[in-house]
Amino acid sequence: MGSFRFLSTVAFFVVLLFFANSAATASGNKPAKLPPPIDTRILVNSVDAKAGTITVKFMRDSNQPPHTYAIDGGTALTVNNVKGTINQIKVGMQVRSYVERDDVALDSVDVGIADPGPVVPKKK
């Protein structure tokens, strides 16, 4: 008899939730507006091979200015998953991973073709 009582209680709550949802939809309540998707990419903003620097833009925070890093002989650099040189880095590439030596130089950096940015959902 205990399992029957449990099942009937569960069935009651399922029906209650169904009608509560139907009433909210029928009354014209619109679903909550979703925030725009966050762009987590880090993109190469500029390359100065002569100076040995790259400038990157953190897309997550549009208010943050681009940051310049030095790439030197001590930097392990890969471009499109292959050991590379600063001359192979192009504006618009995506930084896949990096390790800072300090605030101005990199110990390692991996760049490649950029993923597309997040898609903003269309309004219905």
Protein backbone atom coordinates (compact mmCIF):
# COMPACT_ATOMS: atom_id res chain seq x y z
CA MET A 1 0.00 0.00 0.00
CA GLY A 2 2.98 2.32 0.63
CA SER A 3 4.13 2.32 -3.01
CA PHE A 4 0.58 3.15 -4.22
CA ARG A 5 0.48 6.17 -1.92
CA PHE A 6 3.92 7.30 -3.13
CA LEU A 7 2.96 6.94 -6.81
CA SER A 8 -0.31 8.80 -6.35
CA THR A 9 1.53 11.64 -4.60
CA VAL A 10 4.05 11.87 -7.45
CA ALA A 11 1.23 11.82 -10.03
CA PHE A 12 -0.56 14.62 -8.15
CA PHE A 13 2.52 16.86 -8.24
CA VAL A 14 3.12 16.16 -11.94
CA VAL A 15 -0.44 17.19 -12.77
CA LEU A 16 -0.13 20.26 -10.51
CA LEU A 17 3.07 21.37 -12.27
CA PHE A 18 1.49 20.79 -15.69
CA PHE A 19 -1.46 23.04 -14.90
CA ALA A 20 0.72 25.70 -13.28
CA ASN A 21 2.90 25.82 -16.41
CA SER A 22 -0.18 25.91 -18.67
CA ALA A 23 -1.66 28.80 -16.70
CA ALA A 24 1.58 30.80 -16.89
CA THR A 25 1.84 30.23 -20.64
CA ALA A 26 -1.81 31.07 -21.24
CA SER A 27 -1.55 34.31 -19.27
CA GLY A 28 1.02 35.59 -21.78
CA ASN A 29 4.10 35.46 -19.60
CA LYS A 30 7.15 35.56 -21.81
CA PRO A 31 10.17 33.44 -20.97
CA ALA A 32 13.04 35.32 -19.35
CA LYS A 33 15.43 36.99 -21.79
CA LEU A 34 18.72 35.13 -21.94
CA PRO A 35 21.93 37.10 -21.65
CA PRO A 36 24.12 37.24 -24.77
CA PRO A 37 26.68 34.43 -25.02
CA ILE A 38 30.16 35.14 -23.65
CA ASP A 39 33.04 35.23 -26.12
CA THR A 40 35.90 33.46 -24.33
CA ARG A 41 38.37 33.69 -27.21
CA ILE A 42 41.74 35.45 -27.01
CA LEU A 43 42.61 36.87 -30.43
CA VAL A 44 45.87 38.20 -31.86
CA ASN A 45 45.33 41.92 -32.37
CA SER A 46 48.73 42.79 -33.86
CA VAL A 47 52.15 41.26 -34.52
CA ASP A 48 55.47 43.10 -34.56
CA ALA A 49 58.03 40.52 -35.66
CA LYS A 50 60.82 43.08 -35.64
CA ALA A 51 60.19 44.01 -31.99
CA GLY A 52 59.32 40.40 -31.11
CA THR A 53 55.89 41.20 -29.69
CA ILE A 54 52.28 40.22 -30.17
CA THR A 55 49.27 42.10 -28.89
CA VAL A 56 46.24 40.06 -27.84
CA LYS A 57 42.62 41.03 -27.18
CA PHE A 58 40.66 39.20 -24.49
CA MET A 59 37.20 39.07 -26.07
CA ARG A 60 35.49 38.24 -22.75
CA ASP A 61 36.03 41.80 -21.51
CA SER A 62 35.50 44.35 -24.26
CA ASN A 63 36.49 47.17 -21.88
CA GLN A 64 39.95 45.71 -21.29
CA PRO A 65 42.58 47.16 -23.64
CA PRO A 66 44.73 44.79 -25.71
CA HIS A 67 47.81 43.39 -23.94
CA THR A 68 51.28 43.20 -25.49
CA TYR A 69 53.59 40.25 -24.81
CA ALA A 70 57.21 39.71 -25.80
CA ILE A 71 58.11 36.52 -27.66
CA ASP A 72 61.81 35.70 -27.52
CA GLY A 73 64.19 32.78 -27.85
CA GLY A 74 62.96 31.36 -24.55
CA THR A 75 59.33 31.22 -25.70
CA ALA A 76 58.01 27.84 -26.82
CA LEU A 77 55.85 28.83 -29.79
CA THR A 78 53.45 26.62 -31.75
CA VAL A 79 51.41 27.75 -34.71
CA ASN A 80 48.58 25.46 -35.84
CA ASN A 81 49.95 22.67 -33.58
CA VAL A 82 53.44 22.79 -35.12
CA LYS A 83 56.58 24.46 -33.73
CA GLY A 84 56.64 27.89 -35.35
CA THR A 85 58.06 31.38 -35.46
CA ILE A 86 56.61 34.80 -34.76
CA ASN A 87 56.54 35.47 -38.53
CA GLN A 88 53.85 32.79 -38.87
CA ILE A 89 51.47 34.45 -36.42
CA LYS A 90 48.77 36.45 -38.20
CA VAL A 91 46.31 39.03 -36.93
CA GLY A 92 42.99 37.35 -36.10
CA MET A 93 44.50 34.03 -35.01
CA GLN A 94 43.28 32.61 -31.72
CA VAL A 95 45.53 32.04 -28.73
CA ARG A 96 44.74 28.48 -27.66
CA SER A 97 46.96 28.48 -24.57
CA TYR A 98 49.77 30.52 -23.09
CA VAL A 99 52.02 30.68 -20.05
CA GLU A 100 53.23 34.06 -18.84
CA ARG A 101 56.86 34.38 -17.75
CA ASP A 102 55.85 37.70 -16.24
CA ASP A 103 53.41 40.45 -17.21
CA VAL A 104 55.32 41.32 -20.38
CA ALA A 105 56.83 38.06 -21.71
CA LEU A 106 55.57 34.58 -22.55
CA ASP A 107 57.19 31.24 -21.70
CA SER A 108 54.92 29.48 -24.19
CA VAL A 109 52.11 30.28 -26.57
CA ASP A 110 49.98 28.18 -28.91
CA VAL A 111 48.06 29.99 -31.68
CA GLY A 112 45.87 28.73 -34.47
CA ILE A 113 42.98 29.49 -36.76
CA ALA A 114 40.27 31.31 -34.81
CA ASP A 115 37.00 29.66 -33.91
CA PRO A 116 33.90 31.57 -34.96
CA GLY A 117 32.53 33.89 -32.29
CA PRO A 118 29.45 32.94 -30.30
CA VAL A 119 26.12 33.24 -32.08
CA VAL A 120 23.54 35.57 -30.60
CA PRO A 121 20.15 33.81 -30.50
CA LYS A 122 17.57 35.26 -32.87
CA LYS A 123 14.53 36.94 -31.40
CA LYS A 124 11.28 35.09 -31.92
